[in-house]
């Protein structure tokens, strides 16, 4: 894509729009990574309770879930601070993921009261 747009980057409209698209793709990539990690943590927490929460065939618990939750919450805050123009998408992916993880493991993060589950 950069080869196609390269001759037009000197134009103000094209250059600014292209940099915005690059930033958007960076934000989406970061959100995907964090959300995938959150989903894995939630899945491991679910499997640790066993078959339908009965304890039958339960897998090992994640011992440092607090550390993971705090790191994910800190990454969420860092992405929000660095890319404020993409706040809705960041909240839709990472923020919602934190709320889902909070159902499995109780921890605090900055905007936890925004999500009502």
PDB file of N, CA and C in Angstrom:
ATOM      1  N   UNK A   1       0.828  -1.190   0.000  1.00  0.00           N
ATOM      2  CA  UNK A   1       0.000   0.000   0.000  1.00  0.00           C
ATOM      3  C   UNK A   1       0.869   1.249   0.000  1.00  0.00           C
ATOM      4  N   UNK A   2       1.987   1.199   0.698  1.00  0.00           N
ATOM      5  CA  UNK A   2       2.844   2.377   0.758  1.00  0.00           C
ATOM      6  C   UNK A   2       3.410   2.728  -0.607  1.00  0.00           C
ATOM      7  N   UNK A   3       3.664   1.735  -1.430  1.00  0.00           N
ATOM      8  CA  UNK A   3       4.175   2.017  -2.781  1.00  0.00           C
ATOM      9  C   UNK A   3       3.145   2.756  -3.623  1.00  0.00           C
ATOM     10  N   UNK A   4       1.898   2.412  -3.468  1.00  0.00           N
ATOM     11  CA  UNK A   4       0.841   3.047  -4.254  1.00  0.00           C
ATOM     12  C   UNK A   4       0.650   4.498  -3.832  1.00  0.00           C
ATOM     13  N   UNK A   5       0.719   4.771  -2.543  1.00  0.00           N
ATOM     14  CA  UNK A   5       0.437   6.109  -2.030  1.00  0.00           C
ATOM     15  C   UNK A   5       1.679   7.010  -2.021  1.00  0.00           C
ATOM     16  N   UNK A   6       2.838   6.422  -2.155  1.00  0.00           N
ATOM     17  CA  UNK A   6       4.096   7.168  -2.049  1.00  0.00           C
ATOM     18  C   UNK A   6       4.144   8.434  -2.912  1.00  0.00           C
ATOM     19  N   UNK A   7       3.735   8.390  -4.194  1.00  0.00           N
ATOM     20  CA  UNK A   7       3.811   9.615  -5.007  1.00  0.00           C
ATOM     21  C   UNK A   7       2.890  10.743  -4.549  1.00  0.00           C
ATOM     22  N   UNK A   8       1.897  10.410  -3.718  1.00  0.00           N
ATOM     23  CA  UNK A   8       0.900  11.410  -3.320  1.00  0.00           C
ATOM     24  C   UNK A   8       1.061  11.892  -1.876  1.00  0.00           C
ATOM     25  N   UNK A   9       2.066  11.390  -1.165  1.00  0.00           N
ATOM     26  CA  UNK A   9       2.226  11.750   0.248  1.00  0.00           C
ATOM     27  C   UNK A   9       2.535  13.226   0.459  1.00  0.00           C
ATOM     28  N   UNK A  10       3.075  13.889  -0.533  1.00  0.00           N
ATOM     29  CA  UNK A  10       3.392  15.310  -0.376  1.00  0.00           C
ATOM     30  C   UNK A  10       2.128  16.175  -0.317  1.00  0.00           C
ATOM     31  N   UNK A  11       1.013  15.653  -0.838  1.00  0.00           N
ATOM     32  CA  UNK A  11      -0.249  16.385  -0.763  1.00  0.00           C
ATOM     33  C   UNK A  11      -0.769  16.332   0.674  1.00  0.00           C
ATOM     34  N   UNK A  12      -1.218  17.444   1.169  1.00  0.00           N
ATOM     35  CA  UNK A  12      -1.624  17.554   2.570  1.00  0.00           C
ATOM     36  C   UNK A  12      -2.746  16.586   2.932  1.00  0.00           C
ATOM     37  N   UNK A  13      -3.780  16.544   2.107  1.00  0.00           N
ATOM     38  CA  UNK A  13      -4.932  15.688   2.421  1.00  0.00           C
ATOM     39  C   UNK A  13      -4.553  14.209   2.410  1.00  0.00           C
ATOM     40  N   UNK A  14      -3.788  13.807   1.417  1.00  0.00           N
ATOM     41  CA  UNK A  14      -3.414  12.398   1.301  1.00  0.00           C
ATOM     42  C   UNK A  14      -2.448  12.010   2.413  1.00  0.00           C
ATOM     43  N   UNK A  15      -1.470  12.858   2.679  1.00  0.00           N
ATOM     44  CA  UNK A  15      -0.488  12.563   3.727  1.00  0.00           C
ATOM     45  C   UNK A  15      -1.112  12.440   5.096  1.00  0.00           C
ATOM     46  N   UNK A  16      -2.012  13.363   5.430  1.00  0.00           N
ATOM     47  CA  UNK A  16      -2.641  13.308   6.750  1.00  0.00           C
ATOM     48  C   UNK A  16      -3.582  12.106   6.871  1.00  0.00           C
ATOM     49  N   UNK A  17      -4.332  11.814   5.802  1.00  0.00           N
ATOM     50  CA  UNK A  17      -5.250  10.665   5.836  1.00  0.00           C
ATOM     51  C   UNK A  17      -4.462   9.355   5.931  1.00  0.00           C
ATOM     52  N   UNK A  18      -3.329   9.274   5.224  1.00  0.00           N
ATOM     53  CA  UNK A  18      -2.528   8.061   5.266  1.00  0.00           C
ATOM     54  C   UNK A  18      -1.922   7.852   6.656  1.00  0.00           C
ATOM     55  N   UNK A  19      -1.461   8.928   7.290  1.00  0.00           N
ATOM     56  CA  UNK A  19      -0.914   8.781   8.643  1.00  0.00           C
ATOM     57  C   UNK A  19      -2.012   8.392   9.630  1.00  0.00           C
ATOM     58  N   UNK A  20      -3.228   8.902   9.414  1.00  0.00           N
ATOM     59  CA  UNK A  20      -4.350   8.519  10.272  1.00  0.00           C
ATOM     60  C   UNK A  20      -4.684   7.037  10.107  1.00  0.00           C
ATOM     61  N   UNK A  21      -4.647   6.547   8.867  1.00  0.00           N
ATOM     62  CA  UNK A  21      -4.918   5.132   8.611  1.00  0.00           C
ATOM     63  C   UNK A  21      -3.833   4.263   9.241  1.00  0.00           C
ATOM     64  N   UNK A  22      -2.575   4.691   9.150  1.00  0.00           N
ATOM     65  CA  UNK A  22      -1.491   3.933   9.771  1.00  0.00           C
ATOM     66  C   UNK A  22      -1.660   3.871  11.289  1.00  0.00           C
ATOM     67  N   UNK A  23      -2.030   5.007  11.902  1.00  0.00           N
ATOM     68  CA  UNK A  23      -2.252   5.021  13.348  1.00  0.00           C
ATOM     69  C   UNK A  23      -3.417   4.108  13.718  1.00  0.00           C
ATOM     70  N   UNK A  24      -4.484   4.143  12.919  1.00  0.00           N
ATOM     71  CA  UNK A  24      -5.642   3.299  13.186  1.00  0.00           C
ATOM     72  C   UNK A  24      -5.256   1.817  13.146  1.00  0.00           C
ATOM     73  N   UNK A  25      -4.472   1.437  12.156  1.00  0.00           N
ATOM     74  CA  UNK A  25      -4.058   0.044  12.046  1.00  0.00           C
ATOM     75  C   UNK A  25      -3.174  -0.354  13.230  1.00  0.00           C
ATOM     76  N   UNK A  26      -2.308   0.550  13.689  1.00  0.00           N
ATOM     77  CA  UNK A  26      -1.485   0.278  14.874  1.00  0.00           C
ATOM     78  C   UNK A  26      -2.349   0.072  16.111  1.00  0.00           C
ATOM     79  N   UNK A  27      -3.360   0.934  16.273  1.00  0.00           N
ATOM     80  CA  UNK A  27      -4.257   0.819  17.425  1.00  0.00           C
ATOM     81  C   UNK A  27      -5.034  -0.496  17.369  1.00  0.00           C
ATOM     82  N   UNK A  28      -5.548  -0.826  16.200  1.00  0.00           N
ATOM     83  CA  UNK A  28      -6.310  -2.070  16.067  1.00  0.00           C
ATOM     84  C   UNK A  28      -5.436  -3.284  16.347  1.00  0.00           C
ATOM     85  N   UNK A  29      -4.189  -3.245  15.916  1.00  0.00           N
ATOM     86  CA  UNK A  29      -3.262  -4.350  16.174  1.00  0.00           C
ATOM     87  C   UNK A  29      -2.998  -4.492  17.670  1.00  0.00           C
ATOM     88  N   UNK A  30      -2.787  -3.364  18.357  1.00  0.00           N
ATOM     89  CA  UNK A  30      -2.564  -3.405  19.803  1.00  0.00           C
ATOM     90  C   UNK A  30      -3.803  -3.921  20.528  1.00  0.00           C
ATOM     91  N   UNK A  31      -4.969  -3.442  20.121  1.00  0.00           N
ATOM     92  CA  UNK A  31      -6.219  -3.884  20.749  1.00  0.00           C
ATOM     93  C   UNK A  31      -6.440  -5.381  20.537  1.00  0.00           C
ATOM     94  N   UNK A  32      -6.120  -5.865  19.350  1.00  0.00           N
ATOM     95  CA  UNK A  32      -6.275  -7.292  19.067  1.00  0.00           C
ATOM     96  C   UNK A  32      -5.378  -8.122  19.977  1.00  0.00           C
ATOM     97  N   UNK A  33      -4.133  -7.690  20.148  1.00  0.00           N
ATOM     98  CA  UNK A  33      -3.211  -8.421  21.014  1.00  0.00           C
ATOM     99  C   UNK A  33      -3.706  -8.474  22.455  1.00  0.00           C
ATOM    100  N   UNK A  34      -4.122  -7.329  22.972  1.00  0.00           N
ATOM    101  CA  UNK A  34      -4.572  -7.269  24.365  1.00  0.00           C
ATOM    102  C   UNK A  34      -5.857  -8.070  24.539  1.00  0.00           C
ATOM    103  N   UNK A  35      -6.783  -7.942  23.606  1.00  0.00           N
ATOM    104  CA  UNK A  35      -8.047  -8.666  23.717  1.00  0.00           C
ATOM    105  C   UNK A  35      -7.826 -10.169  23.618  1.00  0.00           C
ATOM    106  N   UNK A  36      -6.914 -10.611  22.755  1.00  0.00           N
ATOM    107  CA  UNK A  36      -6.609 -12.040  22.680  1.00  0.00           C
ATOM    108  C   UNK A  36      -6.061 -12.554  24.009  1.00  0.00           C
ATOM    109  N   UNK A  37      -5.217 -11.761  24.639  1.00  0.00           N
ATOM    110  CA  UNK A  37      -4.671 -12.159  25.944  1.00  0.00           C
ATOM    111  C   UNK A  37      -5.780 -12.242  26.993  1.00  0.00           C
ATOM    112  N   UNK A  38      -6.669 -11.262  26.980  1.00  0.00           N
ATOM    113  CA  UNK A  38      -7.801 -11.268  27.915  1.00  0.00           C
ATOM    114  C   UNK A  38      -8.674 -12.505  27.682  1.00  0.00           C
ATOM    115  N   UNK A  39      -8.956 -12.816  26.423  1.00  0.00           N
ATOM    116  CA  UNK A  39      -9.786 -13.980  26.116  1.00  0.00           C
ATOM    117  C   UNK A  39      -9.135 -15.272  26.600  1.00  0.00           C
ATOM    118  N   UNK A  40      -7.819 -15.376  26.435  1.00  0.00           N
ATOM    119  CA  UNK A  40      -7.113 -16.566  26.919  1.00  0.00           C
ATOM    120  C   UNK A  40      -7.201 -16.676  28.443  1.00  0.00           C
ATOM    121  N   UNK A  41      -7.033 -15.550  29.137  1.00  0.00           N
ATOM    122  CA  UNK A  41      -7.136 -15.563  30.600  1.00  0.00           C
ATOM    123  C   UNK A  41      -8.536 -15.966  31.056  1.00  0.00           C
ATOM    124  N   UNK A  42      -9.549 -15.440  30.387  1.00  0.00           N
ATOM    125  CA  UNK A  42     -10.924 -15.785  30.741  1.00  0.00           C
ATOM    126  C   UNK A  42     -11.198 -17.261  30.473  1.00  0.00           C
ATOM    127  N   UNK A  43     -10.667 -17.779  29.376  1.00  0.00           N
ATOM    128  CA  UNK A  43     -10.854 -19.191  29.064  1.00  0.00           C
ATOM    129  C   UNK A  43     -10.175 -20.081  30.105  1.00  0.00           C
ATOM    130  N   UNK A  44      -8.965 -19.711  30.511  1.00  0.00           N
ATOM    131  CA  UNK A  44      -8.265 -20.490  31.527  1.00  0.00           C
ATOM    132  C   UNK A  44      -8.995 -20.439  32.863  1.00  0.00           C
ATOM    133  N   UNK A  45      -9.563 -19.285  33.190  1.00  0.00           N
ATOM    134  CA  UNK A  45     -10.323 -19.167  34.436  1.00  0.00           C
ATOM    135  C   UNK A  45     -11.573 -20.043  34.392  1.00  0.00           C
ATOM    136  N   UNK A  46     -12.213 -20.108  33.238  1.00  0.00           N
ATOM    137  CA  UNK A  46     -13.397 -20.949  33.086  1.00  0.00           C
ATOM    138  C   UNK A  46     -13.035 -22.427  33.209  1.00  0.00           C
ATOM    139  N   UNK A  47     -11.954 -22.829  32.581  1.00  0.00           N
ATOM    140  CA  UNK A  47     -11.547 -24.231  32.621  1.00  0.00           C
ATOM    141  C   UNK A  47     -11.076 -24.651  34.019  1.00  0.00           C
ATOM    142  N   UNK A  48     -10.603 -23.692  34.804  1.00  0.00           N
ATOM    143  CA  UNK A  48     -10.132 -24.011  36.151  1.00  0.00           C
ATOM    144  C   UNK A  48     -11.277 -24.399  37.080  1.00  0.00           C
ATOM    145  N   UNK A  49     -12.498 -24.016  36.748  1.00  0.00           N
ATOM    146  CA  UNK A  49     -13.635 -24.370  37.595  1.00  0.00           C
ATOM    147  C   UNK A  49     -14.208 -25.739  37.251  1.00  0.00           C
ATOM    148  N   UNK A  50     -13.712 -26.355  36.187  1.00  0.00           N
ATOM    149  CA  UNK A  50     -14.167 -27.697  35.840  1.00  0.00           C
ATOM    150  C   UNK A  50     -15.404 -27.687  34.980  1.00  0.00           C
ATOM    151  N   UNK A  51     -15.929 -28.881  34.733  1.00  0.00           N
ATOM    152  CA  UNK A  51     -17.099 -29.047  33.885  1.00  0.00           C
ATOM    153  C   UNK A  51     -18.311 -28.365  34.503  1.00  0.00           C
ATOM    154  N   UNK A  52     -18.786 -27.332  33.854  1.00  0.00           N
ATOM    155  CA  UNK A  52     -19.944 -26.550  34.289  1.00  0.00           C
ATOM    156  C   UNK A  52     -19.833 -26.093  35.738  1.00  0.00           C
ATOM    157  N   UNK A  53     -18.616 -25.782  36.163  1.00  0.00           N
ATOM    158  CA  UNK A  53     -18.395 -25.255  37.506  1.00  0.00           C
ATOM    159  C   UNK A  53     -18.450 -26.280  38.613  1.00  0.00           C
ATOM    160  N   UNK A  54     -18.472 -27.571  38.268  1.00  0.00           N
ATOM    161  CA  UNK A  54     -18.604 -28.621  39.277  1.00  0.00           C
ATOM    162  C   UNK A  54     -17.269 -29.046  39.868  1.00  0.00           C
ATOM    163  N   UNK A  55     -16.177 -28.663  39.229  1.00  0.00           N
ATOM    164  CA  UNK A  55     -14.866 -29.099  39.696  1.00  0.00           C
ATOM    165  C   UNK A  55     -14.396 -30.373  39.020  1.00  0.00           C
ATOM    166  N   UNK A  56     -15.273 -31.037  38.282  1.00  0.00           N
ATOM    167  CA  UNK A  56     -14.921 -32.264  37.562  1.00  0.00           C
ATOM    168  C   UNK A  56     -14.043 -31.918  36.358  1.00  0.00           C
ATOM    169  N   UNK A  57     -12.909 -32.580  36.248  1.00  0.00           N
ATOM    170  CA  UNK A  57     -11.952 -32.378  35.154  1.00  0.00           C
ATOM    171  C   UNK A  57     -11.429 -30.940  35.116  1.00  0.00           C
ATOM    172  N   UNK A  58     -11.269 -30.354  36.281  1.00  0.00           N
ATOM    173  CA  UNK A  58     -10.775 -28.971  36.359  1.00  0.00           C
ATOM    174  C   UNK A  58      -9.299 -28.915  35.988  1.00  0.00           C
ATOM    175  N   UNK A  59      -8.920 -27.837  35.328  1.00  0.00           N
ATOM    176  CA  UNK A  59      -7.518 -27.611  34.995  1.00  0.00           C
ATOM    177  C   UNK A  59      -6.903 -26.704  36.037  1.00  0.00           C
ATOM    178  N   UNK A  60      -5.610 -26.505  35.936  1.00  0.00           N
ATOM    179  CA  UNK A  60      -4.912 -25.667  36.913  1.00  0.00           C
ATOM    180  C   UNK A  60      -5.346 -24.209  36.791  1.00  0.00           C
ATOM    181  N   UNK A  61      -5.385 -23.541  37.940  1.00  0.00           N
ATOM    182  CA  UNK A  61      -5.701 -22.117  37.972  1.00  0.00           C
ATOM    183  C   UNK A  61      -4.476 -21.309  37.570  1.00  0.00           C
ATOM    184  N   UNK A  62      -4.721 -20.125  37.052  1.00  0.00           N
ATOM    185  CA  UNK A  62      -3.636 -19.188  36.782  1.00  0.00           C
ATOM    186  C   UNK A  62      -3.282 -18.555  38.125  1.00  0.00           C
ATOM    187  N   UNK A  63      -2.080 -18.806  38.594  1.00  0.00           N
ATOM    188  CA  UNK A  63      -1.680 -18.370  39.930  1.00  0.00           C
ATOM    189  C   UNK A  63      -1.493 -16.854  40.033  1.00  0.00           C
ATOM    190  N   UNK A  64      -1.054 -16.229  38.966  1.00  0.00           N
ATOM    191  CA  UNK A  64      -0.768 -14.795  39.022  1.00  0.00           C
ATOM    192  C   UNK A  64      -1.803 -13.988  38.229  1.00  0.00           C
ATOM    193  N   UNK A  65      -3.069 -14.317  38.417  1.00  0.00           N
ATOM    194  CA  UNK A  65      -4.143 -13.632  37.697  1.00  0.00           C
ATOM    195  C   UNK A  65      -4.194 -12.146  38.046  1.00  0.00           C
ATOM    196  N   UNK A  66      -3.898 -11.786  39.299  1.00  0.00           N
ATOM    197  CA  UNK A  66      -3.869 -10.371  39.679  1.00  0.00           C
ATOM    198  C   UNK A  66      -2.835  -9.601  38.856  1.00  0.00           C
ATOM    199  N   UNK A  67      -1.665 -10.191  38.679  1.00  0.00           N
ATOM    200  CA  UNK A  67      -0.612  -9.537  37.891  1.00  0.00           C
ATOM    201  C   UNK A  67      -1.059  -9.341  36.446  1.00  0.00           C
ATOM    202  N   UNK A  68      -1.650 -10.384  35.866  1.00  0.00           N
ATOM    203  CA  UNK A  68      -2.136 -10.282  34.489  1.00  0.00           C
ATOM    204  C   UNK A  68      -3.212  -9.206  34.375  1.00  0.00           C
ATOM    205  N   UNK A  69      -4.149  -9.202  35.300  1.00  0.00           N
ATOM    206  CA  UNK A  69      -5.244  -8.236  35.248  1.00  0.00           C
ATOM    207  C   UNK A  69      -4.727  -6.802  35.375  1.00  0.00           C
ATOM    208  N   UNK A  70      -3.783  -6.580  36.266  1.00  0.00           N
ATOM    209  CA  UNK A  70      -3.235  -5.226  36.429  1.00  0.00           C
ATOM    210  C   UNK A  70      -2.433  -4.791  35.203  1.00  0.00           C
ATOM    211  N   UNK A  71      -1.688  -5.709  34.614  1.00  0.00           N
ATOM    212  CA  UNK A  71      -0.924  -5.370  33.401  1.00  0.00           C
ATOM    213  C   UNK A  71      -1.845  -5.062  32.229  1.00  0.00           C
ATOM    214  N   UNK A  72      -2.909  -5.831  32.095  1.00  0.00           N
ATOM    215  CA  UNK A  72      -3.854  -5.581  31.007  1.00  0.00           C
ATOM    216  C   UNK A  72      -4.564  -4.239  31.228  1.00  0.00           C
ATOM    217  N   UNK A  73      -4.947  -3.953  32.454  1.00  0.00           N
ATOM    218  CA  UNK A  73      -5.598  -2.669  32.757  1.00  0.00           C
ATOM    219  C   UNK A  73      -4.638  -1.501  32.508  1.00  0.00           C
ATOM    220  N   UNK A  74      -3.360  -1.672  32.857  1.00  0.00           N
ATOM    221  CA  UNK A  74      -2.372  -0.619  32.615  1.00  0.00           C
ATOM    222  C   UNK A  74      -2.153  -0.415  31.116  1.00  0.00           C
ATOM    223  N   UNK A  75      -2.151  -1.499  30.359  1.00  0.00           N
ATOM    224  CA  UNK A  75      -2.003  -1.399  28.904  1.00  0.00           C
ATOM    225  C   UNK A  75      -3.204  -0.695  28.298  1.00  0.00           C
ATOM    226  N   UNK A  76      -4.394  -0.990  28.807  1.00  0.00           N
ATOM    227  CA  UNK A  76      -5.620  -0.317  28.363  1.00  0.00           C
ATOM    228  C   UNK A  76      -5.512   1.195  28.581  1.00  0.00           C
ATOM    229  N   UNK A  77      -5.083   1.593  29.769  1.00  0.00           N
ATOM    230  CA  UNK A  77      -4.923   3.019  30.066  1.00  0.00           C
ATOM    231  C   UNK A  77      -3.865   3.654  29.172  1.00  0.00           C
ATOM    232  N   UNK A  78      -2.786   2.934  28.917  1.00  0.00           N
ATOM    233  CA  UNK A  78      -1.700   3.456  28.087  1.00  0.00           C
ATOM    234  C   UNK A  78      -2.163   3.649  26.637  1.00  0.00           C
ATOM    235  N   UNK A  79      -2.895   2.692  26.111  1.00  0.00           N
ATOM    236  CA  UNK A  79      -3.398   2.823  24.734  1.00  0.00           C
ATOM    237  C   UNK A  79      -4.383   3.975  24.637  1.00  0.00           C
ATOM    238  N   UNK A  80      -5.264   4.116  25.637  1.00  0.00           N
ATOM    239  CA  UNK A  80      -6.214   5.233  25.643  1.00  0.00           C
ATOM    240  C   UNK A  80      -5.507   6.585  25.686  1.00  0.00           C
ATOM    241  N   UNK A  81      -4.459   6.682  26.497  1.00  0.00           N
ATOM    242  CA  UNK A  81      -3.733   7.952  26.622  1.00  0.00           C
ATOM    243  C   UNK A  81      -2.968   8.282  25.341  1.00  0.00           C
ATOM    244  N   UNK A  82      -2.437   7.277  24.689  1.00  0.00           N
ATOM    245  CA  UNK A  82      -1.629   7.504  23.493  1.00  0.00           C
ATOM    246  C   UNK A  82      -2.475   7.790  22.254  1.00  0.00           C
ATOM    247  N   UNK A  83      -3.682   7.215  22.188  1.00  0.00           N
ATOM    248  CA  UNK A  83      -4.537   7.347  21.001  1.00  0.00           C
ATOM    249  C   UNK A  83      -5.944   7.782  21.396  1.00  0.00           C
ATOM    250  N   UNK A  84      -6.121   9.007  21.878  1.00  0.00           N
ATOM    251  CA  UNK A  84      -7.453   9.418  22.343  1.00  0.00           C
ATOM    252  C   UNK A  84      -8.500   9.503  21.233  1.00  0.00           C
ATOM    253  N   UNK A  85      -8.084   9.690  20.001  1.00  0.00           N
ATOM    254  CA  UNK A  85      -9.070   9.802  18.921  1.00  0.00           C
ATOM    255  C   UNK A  85      -9.714   8.462  18.577  1.00  0.00           C
ATOM    256  N   UNK A  86      -9.157   7.375  19.067  1.00  0.00           N
ATOM    257  CA  UNK A  86      -9.712   6.048  18.817  1.00  0.00           C
ATOM    258  C   UNK A  86     -10.317   5.440  20.080  1.00  0.00           C
ATOM    259  N   UNK A  87     -10.715   6.304  21.013  1.00  0.00           N
ATOM    260  CA  UNK A  87     -11.255   5.853  22.297  1.00  0.00           C
ATOM    261  C   UNK A  87     -12.462   4.918  22.155  1.00  0.00           C
ATOM    262  N   UNK A  88     -13.427   5.201  21.277  1.00  0.00           N
ATOM    263  CA  UNK A  88     -14.576   4.284  21.180  1.00  0.00           C
ATOM    264  C   UNK A  88     -14.174   2.854  20.801  1.00  0.00           C
ATOM    265  N   UNK A  89     -13.272   2.701  19.863  1.00  0.00           N
ATOM    266  CA  UNK A  89     -12.869   1.362  19.438  1.00  0.00           C
ATOM    267  C   UNK A  89     -12.046   0.669  20.517  1.00  0.00           C
ATOM    268  N   UNK A  90     -11.207   1.420  21.221  1.00  0.00           N
ATOM    269  CA  UNK A  90     -10.405   0.846  22.298  1.00  0.00           C
ATOM    270  C   UNK A  90     -11.321   0.358  23.416  1.00  0.00           C
ATOM    271  N   UNK A  91     -12.321   1.156  23.762  1.00  0.00           N
ATOM    272  CA  UNK A  91     -13.263   0.748  24.804  1.00  0.00           C
ATOM    273  C   UNK A  91     -14.111  -0.434  24.358  1.00  0.00           C
ATOM    274  N   UNK A  92     -14.446  -0.461  23.068  1.00  0.00           N
ATOM    275  CA  UNK A  92     -15.268  -1.547  22.548  1.00  0.00           C
ATOM    276  C   UNK A  92     -14.531  -2.888  22.599  1.00  0.00           C
ATOM    277  N   UNK A  93     -13.229  -2.858  22.412  1.00  0.00           N
ATOM    278  CA  UNK A  93     -12.478  -4.110  22.381  1.00  0.00           C
ATOM    279  C   UNK A  93     -11.844  -4.407  23.736  1.00  0.00           C
ATOM    280  N   UNK A  94     -10.916  -3.576  24.156  1.00  0.00           N
ATOM    281  CA  UNK A  94     -10.154  -3.852  25.375  1.00  0.00           C
ATOM    282  C   UNK A  94     -10.997  -3.593  26.621  1.00  0.00           C
ATOM    283  N   UNK A  95     -11.722  -2.487  26.652  1.00  0.00           N
ATOM    284  CA  UNK A  95     -12.547  -2.171  27.820  1.00  0.00           C
ATOM    285  C   UNK A  95     -13.606  -3.233  28.074  1.00  0.00           C
ATOM    286  N   UNK A  96     -14.273  -3.655  27.021  1.00  0.00           N
ATOM    287  CA  UNK A  96     -15.281  -4.699  27.156  1.00  0.00           C
ATOM    288  C   UNK A  96     -14.629  -6.016  27.578  1.00  0.00           C
ATOM    289  N   UNK A  97     -13.443  -6.284  27.049  1.00  0.00           N
ATOM    290  CA  UNK A  97     -12.726  -7.493  27.446  1.00  0.00           C
ATOM    291  C   UNK A  97     -12.359  -7.482  28.914  1.00  0.00           C
ATOM    292  N   UNK A  98     -11.954  -6.322  29.415  1.00  0.00           N
ATOM    293  CA  UNK A  98     -11.654  -6.197  30.845  1.00  0.00           C
ATOM    294  C   UNK A  98     -12.901  -6.459  31.684  1.00  0.00           C
ATOM    295  N   UNK A  99     -14.048  -5.982  31.208  1.00  0.00           N
ATOM    296  CA  UNK A  99     -15.293  -6.220  31.941  1.00  0.00           C
ATOM    297  C   UNK A  99     -15.631  -7.710  31.962  1.00  0.00           C
ATOM    298  N   UNK A 100     -15.388  -8.400  30.850  1.00  0.00           N
ATOM    299  CA  UNK A 100     -15.634  -9.842  30.800  1.00  0.00           C
ATOM    300  C   UNK A 100     -14.671 -10.566  31.736  1.00  0.00           C
ATOM    301  N   UNK A 101     -13.405 -10.167  31.726  1.00  0.00           N
ATOM    302  CA  UNK A 101     -12.420 -10.785  32.616  1.00  0.00           C
ATOM    303  C   UNK A 101     -12.781 -10.537  34.079  1.00  0.00           C
ATOM    304  N   UNK A 102     -13.359  -9.377  34.358  1.00  0.00           N
ATOM    305  CA  UNK A 102     -13.741  -9.039  35.728  1.00  0.00           C
ATOM    306  C   UNK A 102     -14.864  -9.947  36.227  1.00  0.00           C
ATOM    307  N   UNK A 103     -15.625 -10.537  35.323  1.00  0.00           N
ATOM    308  CA  UNK A 103     -16.637 -11.504  35.733  1.00  0.00           C
ATOM    309  C   UNK A 103     -15.987 -12.779  36.259  1.00  0.00           C
ATOM    310  N   UNK A 104     -14.809 -13.094  35.738  1.00  0.00           N
ATOM    311  CA  UNK A 104     -14.107 -14.315  36.132  1.00  0.00           C
ATOM    312  C   UNK A 104     -13.187 -14.099  37.326  1.00  0.00           C
ATOM    313  N   UNK A 105     -12.637 -12.887  37.432  1.00  0.00           N
ATOM    314  CA  UNK A 105     -11.665 -12.577  38.487  1.00  0.00           C
ATOM    315  C   UNK A 105     -11.856 -11.117  38.884  1.00  0.00           C
ATOM    316  N   UNK A 106     -12.115 -10.873  40.145  1.00  0.00           N
ATOM    317  CA  UNK A 106     -12.382  -9.510  40.610  1.00  0.00           C
ATOM    318  C   UNK A 106     -11.093  -8.709  40.752  1.00  0.00           C
ATOM    319  N   UNK A 107     -11.053  -7.559  40.095  1.00  0.00           N
ATOM    320  CA  UNK A 107      -9.935  -6.623  40.172  1.00  0.00           C
ATOM    321  C   UNK A 107     -10.477  -5.250  39.818  1.00  0.00           C
ATOM    322  N   UNK A 108      -9.704  -4.241  40.068  1.00  0.00           N
ATOM    323  CA  UNK A 108     -10.137  -2.872  39.800  1.00  0.00           C
ATOM    324  C   UNK A 108      -9.364  -2.293  38.620  1.00  0.00           C
ATOM    325  N   UNK A 109     -10.081  -1.524  37.788  1.00  0.00           N
ATOM    326  CA  UNK A 109      -9.446  -0.746  36.729  1.00  0.00           C
ATOM    327  C   UNK A 109     -10.225   0.540  36.572  1.00  0.00           C
ATOM    328  N   UNK A 110      -9.603   1.509  35.918  1.00  0.00           N
ATOM    329  CA  UNK A 110     -10.102   2.879  35.901  1.00  0.00           C
ATOM    330  C   UNK A 110     -11.550   3.063  35.490  1.00  0.00           C
ATOM    331  N   UNK A 111     -11.998   2.392  34.461  1.00  0.00           N
ATOM    332  CA  UNK A 111     -13.368   2.608  33.972  1.00  0.00           C
ATOM    333  C   UNK A 111     -14.259   1.404  34.184  1.00  0.00           C
ATOM    334  N   UNK A 112     -14.035   0.684  35.278  1.00  0.00           N
ATOM    335  CA  UNK A 112     -14.805  -0.535  35.520  1.00  0.00           C
ATOM    336  C   UNK A 112     -16.287  -0.261  35.750  1.00  0.00           C
ATOM    337  N   UNK A 113     -16.656   0.928  36.214  1.00  0.00           N
ATOM    338  CA  UNK A 113     -18.055   1.219  36.478  1.00  0.00           C
ATOM    339  C   UNK A 113     -18.810   1.618  35.217  1.00  0.00           C
ATOM    340  N   UNK A 114     -18.104   1.705  34.107  1.00  0.00           N
ATOM    341  CA  UNK A 114     -18.748   2.031  32.844  1.00  0.00           C
ATOM    342  C   UNK A 114     -19.503   0.813  32.296  1.00  0.00           C
ATOM    343  N   UNK A 115     -19.066  -0.372  32.712  1.00  0.00           N
ATOM    344  CA  UNK A 115     -19.645  -1.613  32.207  1.00  0.00           C
ATOM    345  C   UNK A 115     -20.482  -2.233  33.317  1.00  0.00           C
ATOM    346  N   UNK A 116     -21.726  -2.538  33.028  1.00  0.00           N
ATOM    347  CA  UNK A 116     -22.662  -2.968  34.056  1.00  0.00           C
ATOM    348  C   UNK A 116     -22.811  -4.466  34.154  1.00  0.00           C
ATOM    349  N   UNK A 117     -21.692  -5.186  33.998  1.00  0.00           N
ATOM    350  CA  UNK A 117     -21.735  -6.624  34.245  1.00  0.00           C
ATOM    351  C   UNK A 117     -20.392  -7.087  34.710  1.00  0.00           C
TER     352      UNK A 117
END
